[in-house]
PDB file of N, CA and C in Angstrom:
ATOM      1  N   MET A   1     109.109 119.830  96.639  1.00  0.00           N
ATOM      2  CA  MET A   1     108.075 118.897  96.254  1.00  0.00           C
ATOM      3  C   MET A   1     108.612 117.902  95.225  1.00  0.00           C
ATOM      4  N   ARG A   2     109.508 118.344  94.386  1.00  0.00           N
ATOM      5  CA  ARG A   2     110.027 117.483  93.328  1.00  0.00           C
ATOM      6  C   ARG A   2     110.624 116.191  93.894  1.00  0.00           C
ATOM      7  N   ASP A   3     111.457 116.313  94.915  1.00  0.00           N
ATOM      8  CA  ASP A   3     112.097 115.127  95.487  1.00  0.00           C
ATOM      9  C   ASP A   3     111.070 114.167  96.077  1.00  0.00           C
ATOM     10  N   LYS A   4     110.045 114.707  96.724  1.00  0.00           N
ATOM     11  CA  LYS A   4     109.016 113.856  97.332  1.00  0.00           C
ATOM     12  C   LYS A   4     108.217 113.114  96.274  1.00  0.00           C
ATOM     13  N   VAL A   5     107.894 113.814  95.179  1.00  0.00           N
ATOM     14  CA  VAL A   5     107.116 113.185  94.110  1.00  0.00           C
ATOM     15  C   VAL A   5     107.942 112.088  93.441  1.00  0.00           C
ATOM     16  N   VAL A   6     109.202 112.365  93.164  1.00  0.00           N
ATOM     17  CA  VAL A   6     110.064 111.363  92.535  1.00  0.00           C
ATOM     18  C   VAL A   6     110.209 110.146  93.453  1.00  0.00           C
ATOM     19  N   ALA A   7     110.421 110.378  94.740  1.00  0.00           N
ATOM     20  CA  ALA A   7     110.547 109.268  95.691  1.00  0.00           C
ATOM     21  C   ALA A   7     109.260 108.444  95.748  1.00  0.00           C
ATOM     22  N   ALA A   8     108.122 109.101  95.743  1.00  0.00           N
ATOM     23  CA  ALA A   8     106.844 108.387  95.777  1.00  0.00           C
ATOM     24  C   ALA A   8     106.631 107.582  94.502  1.00  0.00           C
ATOM     25  N   LYS A   9     107.017 108.150  93.350  1.00  0.00           N
ATOM     26  CA  LYS A   9     106.884 107.411  92.089  1.00  0.00           C
ATOM     27  C   LYS A   9     107.765 106.165  92.099  1.00  0.00           C
ATOM     28  N   LEU A  10     108.942 106.266  92.686  1.00  0.00           N
ATOM     29  CA  LEU A  10     109.826 105.108  92.765  1.00  0.00           C
ATOM     30  C   LEU A  10     109.200 103.995  93.599  1.00  0.00           C
ATOM     31  N   GLN A  11     108.307 104.354  94.510  1.00  0.00           N
ATOM     32  CA  GLN A  11     107.599 103.372  95.334  1.00  0.00           C
ATOM     33  C   GLN A  11     106.252 102.988  94.717  1.00  0.00           C
ATOM     34  N   HIS A  12     106.040 103.392  93.454  1.00  0.00           N
ATOM     35  CA  HIS A  12     104.845 103.061  92.667  1.00  0.00           C
ATOM     36  C   HIS A  12     103.571 103.703  93.194  1.00  0.00           C
ATOM     37  N   CYS A  13     103.683 104.861  93.822  1.00  0.00           N
ATOM     38  CA  CYS A  13     102.491 105.617  94.224  1.00  0.00           C
ATOM     39  C   CYS A  13     101.924 106.303  92.998  1.00  0.00           C
ATOM     40  N   THR A  14     100.629 106.172  92.803  1.00  0.00           N
ATOM     41  CA  THR A  14     100.012 106.760  91.616  1.00  0.00           C
ATOM     42  C   THR A  14      98.984 107.832  91.955  1.00  0.00           C
ATOM     43  N   ASP A  15      98.573 107.907  93.197  1.00  0.00           N
ATOM     44  CA  ASP A  15      97.582 108.898  93.613  1.00  0.00           C
ATOM     45  C   ASP A  15      98.167 109.766  94.710  1.00  0.00           C
ATOM     46  N   PHE A  16      98.045 111.062  94.521  1.00  0.00           N
ATOM     47  CA  PHE A  16      98.555 112.028  95.477  1.00  0.00           C
ATOM     48  C   PHE A  16      97.412 112.899  95.960  1.00  0.00           C
ATOM     49  N   ILE A  17      97.413 113.208  97.228  1.00  0.00           N
ATOM     50  CA  ILE A  17      96.481 114.173  97.807  1.00  0.00           C
ATOM     51  C   ILE A  17      97.332 115.323  98.308  1.00  0.00           C
ATOM     52  N   LEU A  18      97.128 116.489  97.714  1.00  0.00           N
ATOM     53  CA  LEU A  18      97.941 117.651  98.040  1.00  0.00           C
ATOM     54  C   LEU A  18      97.065 118.829  98.446  1.00  0.00           C
ATOM     55  N   PRO A  19      97.590 119.705  99.292  1.00  0.00           N
ATOM     56  CA  PRO A  19      96.850 120.927  99.610  1.00  0.00           C
ATOM     57  C   PRO A  19      96.702 121.798  98.359  1.00  0.00           C
ATOM     58  N   LEU A  20      95.584 122.451  98.241  1.00  0.00           N
ATOM     59  CA  LEU A  20      95.337 123.324  97.098  1.00  0.00           C
ATOM     60  C   LEU A  20      96.412 124.400  96.982  1.00  0.00           C
ATOM     61  N   ASP A  21      96.967 124.821  98.110  1.00  0.00           N
ATOM     62  CA  ASP A  21      98.025 125.829  98.102  1.00  0.00           C
ATOM     63  C   ASP A  21      99.267 125.366  97.351  1.00  0.00           C
ATOM     64  N   ASN A  22      99.436 124.069  97.157  1.00  0.00           N
ATOM     65  CA  ASN A  22     100.608 123.536  96.462  1.00  0.00           C
ATOM     66  C   ASN A  22     100.376 123.332  94.967  1.00  0.00           C
ATOM     67  N   LYS A  23      99.232 123.769  94.462  1.00  0.00           N
ATOM     68  CA  LYS A  23      98.913 123.538  93.052  1.00  0.00           C
ATOM     69  C   LYS A  23      99.933 124.198  92.123  1.00  0.00           C
ATOM     70  N   ALA A  24     100.361 125.408  92.440  1.00  0.00           N
ATOM     71  CA  ALA A  24     101.344 126.097  91.597  1.00  0.00           C
ATOM     72  C   ALA A  24     102.660 125.326  91.573  1.00  0.00           C
ATOM     73  N   ASN A  25     103.075 124.804  92.724  1.00  0.00           N
ATOM     74  CA  ASN A  25     104.306 124.010  92.782  1.00  0.00           C
ATOM     75  C   ASN A  25     104.179 122.747  91.933  1.00  0.00           C
ATOM     76  N   TRP A  26     103.013 122.128  91.978  1.00  0.00           N
ATOM     77  CA  TRP A  26     102.773 120.920  91.187  1.00  0.00           C
ATOM     78  C   TRP A  26     102.882 121.228  89.699  1.00  0.00           C
ATOM     79  N   GLU A  27     102.278 122.326  89.284  1.00  0.00           N
ATOM     80  CA  GLU A  27     102.276 122.677  87.864  1.00  0.00           C
ATOM     81  C   GLU A  27     103.663 123.079  87.364  1.00  0.00           C
ATOM     82  N   GLU A  28     104.558 123.464  88.265  1.00  0.00           N
ATOM     83  CA  GLU A  28     105.930 123.805  87.880  1.00  0.00           C
ATOM     84  C   GLU A  28     106.771 122.568  87.595  1.00  0.00           C
ATOM     85  N   LEU A  29     106.342 121.417  88.076  1.00  0.00           N
ATOM     86  CA  LEU A  29     107.093 120.184  87.842  1.00  0.00           C
ATOM     87  C   LEU A  29     107.059 119.824  86.358  1.00  0.00           C
ATOM     88  N   PRO A  30     108.144 119.285  85.836  1.00  0.00           N
ATOM     89  CA  PRO A  30     108.145 118.852  84.437  1.00  0.00           C
ATOM     90  C   PRO A  30     107.090 117.771  84.202  1.00  0.00           C
ATOM     91  N   SER A  31     106.559 117.737  82.998  1.00  0.00           N
ATOM     92  CA  SER A  31     105.487 116.791  82.683  1.00  0.00           C
ATOM     93  C   SER A  31     105.928 115.338  82.839  1.00  0.00           C
ATOM     94  N   TYR A  32     107.212 115.038  82.596  1.00  0.00           N
ATOM     95  CA  TYR A  32     107.658 113.653  82.729  1.00  0.00           C
ATOM     96  C   TYR A  32     107.625 113.179  84.187  1.00  0.00           C
ATOM     97  N   ILE A  33     107.672 114.108  85.133  1.00  0.00           N
ATOM     98  CA  ILE A  33     107.542 113.735  86.546  1.00  0.00           C
ATOM     99  C   ILE A  33     106.077 113.569  86.912  1.00  0.00           C
ATOM    100  N   ARG A  34     105.223 114.443  86.396  1.00  0.00           N
ATOM    101  CA  ARG A  34     103.782 114.388  86.716  1.00  0.00           C
ATOM    102  C   ARG A  34     103.057 113.261  85.995  1.00  0.00           C
ATOM    103  N   GLU A  35     103.672 112.744  84.956  1.00  0.00           N
ATOM    104  CA  GLU A  35     103.036 111.717  84.138  1.00  0.00           C
ATOM    105  C   GLU A  35     102.716 110.469  84.959  1.00  0.00           C
ATOM    106  N   GLY A  36     101.496 109.955  84.791  1.00  0.00           N
ATOM    107  CA  GLY A  36     101.078 108.729  85.472  1.00  0.00           C
ATOM    108  C   GLY A  36     100.612 108.922  86.898  1.00  0.00           C
ATOM    109  N   ILE A  37     100.457 110.166  87.318  1.00  0.00           N
ATOM    110  CA  ILE A  37     100.030 110.442  88.687  1.00  0.00           C
ATOM    111  C   ILE A  37      98.667 111.121  88.667  1.00  0.00           C
ATOM    112  N   ASN A  38      97.758 110.605  89.473  1.00  0.00           N
ATOM    113  CA  ASN A  38      96.457 111.248  89.686  1.00  0.00           C
ATOM    114  C   ASN A  38      96.602 112.120  90.921  1.00  0.00           C
ATOM    115  N   VAL A  39      96.409 113.405  90.754  1.00  0.00           N
ATOM    116  CA  VAL A  39      96.567 114.305  91.893  1.00  0.00           C
ATOM    117  C   VAL A  39      95.208 114.877  92.274  1.00  0.00           C
ATOM    118  N   HIS A  40      94.960 114.941  93.571  1.00  0.00           N
ATOM    119  CA  HIS A  40      93.721 115.479  94.118  1.00  0.00           C
ATOM    120  C   HIS A  40      94.100 116.657  95.016  1.00  0.00           C
ATOM    121  N   PHE A  41      93.649 117.843  94.663  1.00  0.00           N
ATOM    122  CA  PHE A  41      93.934 119.015  95.480  1.00  0.00           C
ATOM    123  C   PHE A  41      92.769 119.228  96.434  1.00  0.00           C
ATOM    124  N   VAL A  42      93.091 119.405  97.699  1.00  0.00           N
ATOM    125  CA  VAL A  42      92.053 119.524  98.722  1.00  0.00           C
ATOM    126  C   VAL A  42      92.291 120.768  99.570  1.00  0.00           C
ATOM    127  N   THR A  43      91.217 121.232 100.191  1.00  0.00           N
ATOM    128  CA  THR A  43      91.315 122.390 101.076  1.00  0.00           C
ATOM    129  C   THR A  43      90.979 122.050 102.516  1.00  0.00           C
ATOM    130  N   HIS A  44      90.409 120.873 102.745  1.00  0.00           N
ATOM    131  CA  HIS A  44      89.977 120.513 104.092  1.00  0.00           C
ATOM    132  C   HIS A  44      90.057 119.000 104.255  1.00  0.00           C
ATOM    133  N   TYR A  45      90.174 118.559 105.488  1.00  0.00           N
ATOM    134  CA  TYR A  45      90.269 117.125 105.753  1.00  0.00           C
ATOM    135  C   TYR A  45      89.072 116.353 105.197  1.00  0.00           C
ATOM    136  N   GLU A  46      87.899 116.947 105.223  1.00  0.00           N
ATOM    137  CA  GLU A  46      86.718 116.253 104.696  1.00  0.00           C
ATOM    138  C   GLU A  46      86.925 115.873 103.231  1.00  0.00           C
ATOM    139  N   HIS A  47      87.633 116.708 102.490  1.00  0.00           N
ATOM    140  CA  HIS A  47      87.913 116.400 101.087  1.00  0.00           C
ATOM    141  C   HIS A  47      88.861 115.214 100.970  1.00  0.00           C
ATOM    142  N   VAL A  48      89.831 115.134 101.874  1.00  0.00           N
ATOM    143  CA  VAL A  48      90.739 113.987 101.894  1.00  0.00           C
ATOM    144  C   VAL A  48      89.936 112.722 102.141  1.00  0.00           C
ATOM    145  N   PHE A  49      89.037 112.781 103.097  1.00  0.00           N
ATOM    146  CA  PHE A  49      88.198 111.638 103.440  1.00  0.00           C
ATOM    147  C   PHE A  49      87.405 111.175 102.225  1.00  0.00           C
ATOM    148  N   GLU A  50      86.835 112.126 101.472  1.00  0.00           N
ATOM    149  CA  GLU A  50      86.052 111.771 100.287  1.00  0.00           C
ATOM    150  C   GLU A  50      86.928 111.133  99.213  1.00  0.00           C
ATOM    151  N   VAL A  51      88.143 111.627  99.038  1.00  0.00           N
ATOM    152  CA  VAL A  51      89.043 111.043  98.043  1.00  0.00           C
ATOM    153  C   VAL A  51      89.388 109.608  98.427  1.00  0.00           C
ATOM    154  N   VAL A  52      89.672 109.386  99.684  1.00  0.00           N
ATOM    155  CA  VAL A  52      90.107 108.071 100.137  1.00  0.00           C
ATOM    156  C   VAL A  52      88.950 107.078 100.210  1.00  0.00           C
ATOM    157  N   PHE A  53      87.821 107.498 100.777  1.00  0.00           N
ATOM    158  CA  PHE A  53      86.725 106.567 101.048  1.00  0.00           C
ATOM    159  C   PHE A  53      85.504 106.750 100.150  1.00  0.00           C
ATOM    160  N   GLY A  54      85.478 107.773  99.320  1.00  0.00           N
ATOM    161  CA  GLY A  54      84.328 108.021  98.465  1.00  0.00           C
ATOM    162  C   GLY A  54      83.315 108.907  99.170  1.00  0.00           C
ATOM    163  N   LYS A  55      82.266 109.243  98.459  1.00  0.00           N
ATOM    164  CA  LYS A  55      81.223 110.107  99.008  1.00  0.00           C
ATOM    165  C   LYS A  55      80.476 109.369 100.106  1.00  0.00           C
ATOM    166  N   LEU A  56      80.248 110.056 101.215  1.00  0.00           N
ATOM    167  CA  LEU A  56      79.572 109.445 102.352  1.00  0.00           C
ATOM    168  C   LEU A  56      78.065 109.457 102.174  1.00  0.00           C
ATOM    169  N   THR A  57      77.428 108.428 102.693  1.00  0.00           N
ATOM    170  CA  THR A  57      75.973 108.405 102.710  1.00  0.00           C
ATOM    171  C   THR A  57      75.499 109.292 103.859  1.00  0.00           C
ATOM    172  N   PRO A  58      74.275 109.813 103.799  1.00  0.00           N
ATOM    173  CA  PRO A  58      73.780 110.637 104.901  1.00  0.00           C
ATOM    174  C   PRO A  58      73.834 109.938 106.253  1.00  0.00           C
ATOM    175  N   GLN A  59      73.598 108.625 106.299  1.00  0.00           N
ATOM    176  CA  GLN A  59      73.637 107.882 107.563  1.00  0.00           C
ATOM    177  C   GLN A  59      75.053 107.893 108.151  1.00  0.00           C
ATOM    178  N   VAL A  60      76.049 107.668 107.319  1.00  0.00           N
ATOM    179  CA  VAL A  60      77.434 107.658 107.803  1.00  0.00           C
ATOM    180  C   VAL A  60      77.840 109.055 108.250  1.00  0.00           C
ATOM    181  N   GLU A  61      77.422 110.094 107.501  1.00  0.00           N
ATOM    182  CA  GLU A  61      77.735 111.468 107.903  1.00  0.00           C
ATOM    183  C   GLU A  61      77.163 111.765 109.287  1.00  0.00           C
ATOM    184  N   THR A  62      75.938 111.298 109.551  1.00  0.00           N
ATOM    185  CA  THR A  62      75.314 111.512 110.849  1.00  0.00           C
ATOM    186  C   THR A  62      76.082 110.780 111.940  1.00  0.00           C
ATOM    187  N   GLU A  63      76.471 109.543 111.675  1.00  0.00           N
ATOM    188  CA  GLU A  63      77.221 108.774 112.671  1.00  0.00           C
ATOM    189  C   GLU A  63      78.572 109.426 112.968  1.00  0.00           C
ATOM    190  N   LEU A  64      79.241 109.934 111.950  1.00  0.00           N
ATOM    191  CA  LEU A  64      80.527 110.579 112.163  1.00  0.00           C
ATOM    192  C   LEU A  64      80.381 111.902 112.901  1.00  0.00           C
ATOM    193  N   ALA A  65      79.268 112.572 112.703  1.00  0.00           N
ATOM    194  CA  ALA A  65      79.050 113.861 113.356  1.00  0.00           C
ATOM    195  C   ALA A  65      78.647 113.707 114.811  1.00  0.00           C
ATOM    196  N   THR A  66      78.174 112.526 115.206  1.00  0.00           N
ATOM    197  CA  THR A  66      77.755 112.285 116.581  1.00  0.00           C
ATOM    198  C   THR A  66      78.981 112.024 117.440  1.00  0.00           C
ATOM    199  N   PRO A  67      79.187 112.828 118.490  1.00  0.00           N
ATOM    200  CA  PRO A  67      80.359 112.598 119.332  1.00  0.00           C
ATOM    201  C   PRO A  67      80.255 111.279 120.084  1.00  0.00           C
ATOM    202  N   HIS A  68      81.351 110.584 120.150  1.00  0.00           N
ATOM    203  CA  HIS A  68      81.416 109.314 120.866  1.00  0.00           C
ATOM    204  C   HIS A  68      82.405 109.474 122.008  1.00  0.00           C
ATOM    205  N   VAL A  69      81.943 110.099 123.066  1.00  0.00           N
ATOM    206  CA  VAL A  69      82.795 110.365 124.225  1.00  0.00           C
ATOM    207  C   VAL A  69      82.342 109.473 125.361  1.00  0.00           C
ATOM    208  N   GLU A  70      83.302 108.797 125.956  1.00  0.00           N
ATOM    209  CA  GLU A  70      82.965 107.939 127.081  1.00  0.00           C
ATOM    210  C   GLU A  70      82.688 108.789 128.309  1.00  0.00           C
ATOM    211  N   ALA A  71      81.811 108.304 129.131  1.00  0.00           N
ATOM    212  CA  ALA A  71      81.526 108.991 130.385  1.00  0.00           C
ATOM    213  C   ALA A  71      82.770 108.966 131.257  1.00  0.00           C
ATOM    214  N   PRO A  72      83.014 110.018 132.025  1.00  0.00           N
ATOM    215  CA  PRO A  72      84.216 110.058 132.860  1.00  0.00           C
ATOM    216  C   PRO A  72      84.374 108.854 133.767  1.00  0.00           C
ATOM    217  N   SER A  73      83.268 108.296 134.275  1.00  0.00           N
ATOM    218  CA  SER A  73      83.381 107.158 135.185  1.00  0.00           C
ATOM    219  C   SER A  73      83.917 105.917 134.487  1.00  0.00           C
ATOM    220  N   THR A  74      83.734 105.802 133.182  1.00  0.00           N
ATOM    221  CA  THR A  74      84.266 104.638 132.478  1.00  0.00           C
ATOM    222  C   THR A  74      85.719 104.843 132.096  1.00  0.00           C
ATOM    223  N   ILE A  75      86.149 106.085 132.021  1.00  0.00           N
ATOM    224  CA  ILE A  75      87.547 106.357 131.694  1.00  0.00           C
ATOM    225  C   ILE A  75      88.418 106.142 132.929  1.00  0.00           C
ATOM    226  N   MET A  76      88.015 106.730 134.058  1.00  0.00           N
ATOM    227  CA  MET A  76      88.750 106.558 135.309  1.00  0.00           C
ATOM    228  C   MET A  76      87.734 106.335 136.413  1.00  0.00           C
ATOM    229  N   PRO A  77      87.631 105.118 136.880  1.00  0.00           N
ATOM    230  CA  PRO A  77      86.613 104.826 137.889  1.00  0.00           C
ATOM    231  C   PRO A  77      86.823 105.665 139.149  1.00  0.00           C
ATOM    232  N   THR A  78      85.703 106.033 139.743  1.00  0.00           N
ATOM    233  CA  THR A  78      85.759 106.809 140.981  1.00  0.00           C
ATOM    234  C   THR A  78      86.127 105.883 142.131  1.00  0.00           C
ATOM    235  N   LEU A  79      87.096 106.316 142.928  1.00  0.00           N
ATOM    236  CA  LEU A  79      87.522 105.536 144.080  1.00  0.00           C
ATOM    237  C   LEU A  79      87.036 106.223 145.342  1.00  0.00           C
ATOM    238  N   GLU A  80      86.912 105.441 146.381  1.00  0.00           N
ATOM    239  CA  GLU A  80      86.563 106.019 147.675  1.00  0.00           C
ATOM    240  C   GLU A  80      87.677 106.970 148.097  1.00  0.00           C
ATOM    241  N   PRO A  81      87.369 108.064 148.829  1.00  0.00           N
ATOM    242  CA  PRO A  81      88.407 109.033 149.201  1.00  0.00           C
ATOM    243  C   PRO A  81      89.604 108.405 149.899  1.00  0.00           C
ATOM    244  N   ALA A  82      89.398 107.406 150.719  1.00  0.00           N
ATOM    245  CA  ALA A  82      90.521 106.813 151.451  1.00  0.00           C
ATOM    246  C   ALA A  82      91.445 106.022 150.537  1.00  0.00           C
ATOM    247  N   ARG A  83      90.924 105.578 149.422  1.00  0.00           N
ATOM    248  CA  ARG A  83      91.724 104.761 148.513  1.00  0.00           C
ATOM    249  C   ARG A  83      92.398 105.578 147.420  1.00  0.00           C
ATOM    250  N   ARG A  84      91.992 106.823 147.252  1.00  0.00           N
ATOM    251  CA  ARG A  84      92.595 107.669 146.238  1.00  0.00           C
ATOM    252  C   ARG A  84      94.037 108.000 146.624  1.00  0.00           C
ATOM    253  N   PRO A  85      94.933 107.981 145.678  1.00  0.00           N
ATOM    254  CA  PRO A  85      96.310 108.363 145.991  1.00  0.00           C
ATOM    255  C   PRO A  85      96.358 109.813 146.438  1.00  0.00           C
ATOM    256  N   ASN A  86      97.104 110.105 147.478  1.00  0.00           N
ATOM    257  CA  ASN A  86      97.289 111.460 148.004  1.00  0.00           C
ATOM    258  C   ASN A  86      95.971 112.129 148.393  1.00  0.00           C
ATOM    259  N   ALA A  87      95.018 111.354 148.857  1.00  0.00           N
ATOM    260  CA  ALA A  87      93.733 111.918 149.246  1.00  0.00           C
ATOM    261  C   ALA A  87      93.815 112.512 150.638  1.00  0.00           C
ATOM    262  N   VAL A  88      93.153 113.633 150.816  1.00  0.00           N
ATOM    263  CA  VAL A  88      93.078 114.252 152.142  1.00  0.00           C
ATOM    264  C   VAL A  88      91.705 113.925 152.696  1.00  0.00           C
ATOM    265  N   ILE A  89      91.696 113.352 153.883  1.00  0.00           N
ATOM    266  CA  ILE A  89      90.417 112.959 154.497  1.00  0.00           C
ATOM    267  C   ILE A  89      90.074 113.930 155.608  1.00  0.00           C
TER     268      ILE A  89
END
């Protein structure tokens, strides 16, 4: 983790999102490496989303929870049997 944090600091990254499981590794880093970095420990993707985009409104949560799946006919139009590749008539 040390090399990744140093490389990110060299690129002026100031905010890190890390898995909670890596908290012990983070705390082992010297303070001069951790200095100037805001770290967010998360356990699930939803937490990453909140860190990046902020707290969601109930309307947005509902829209995100609604599946947006296209009907099969719009993904691959149905062809007549004679026109289908390798069709047996």
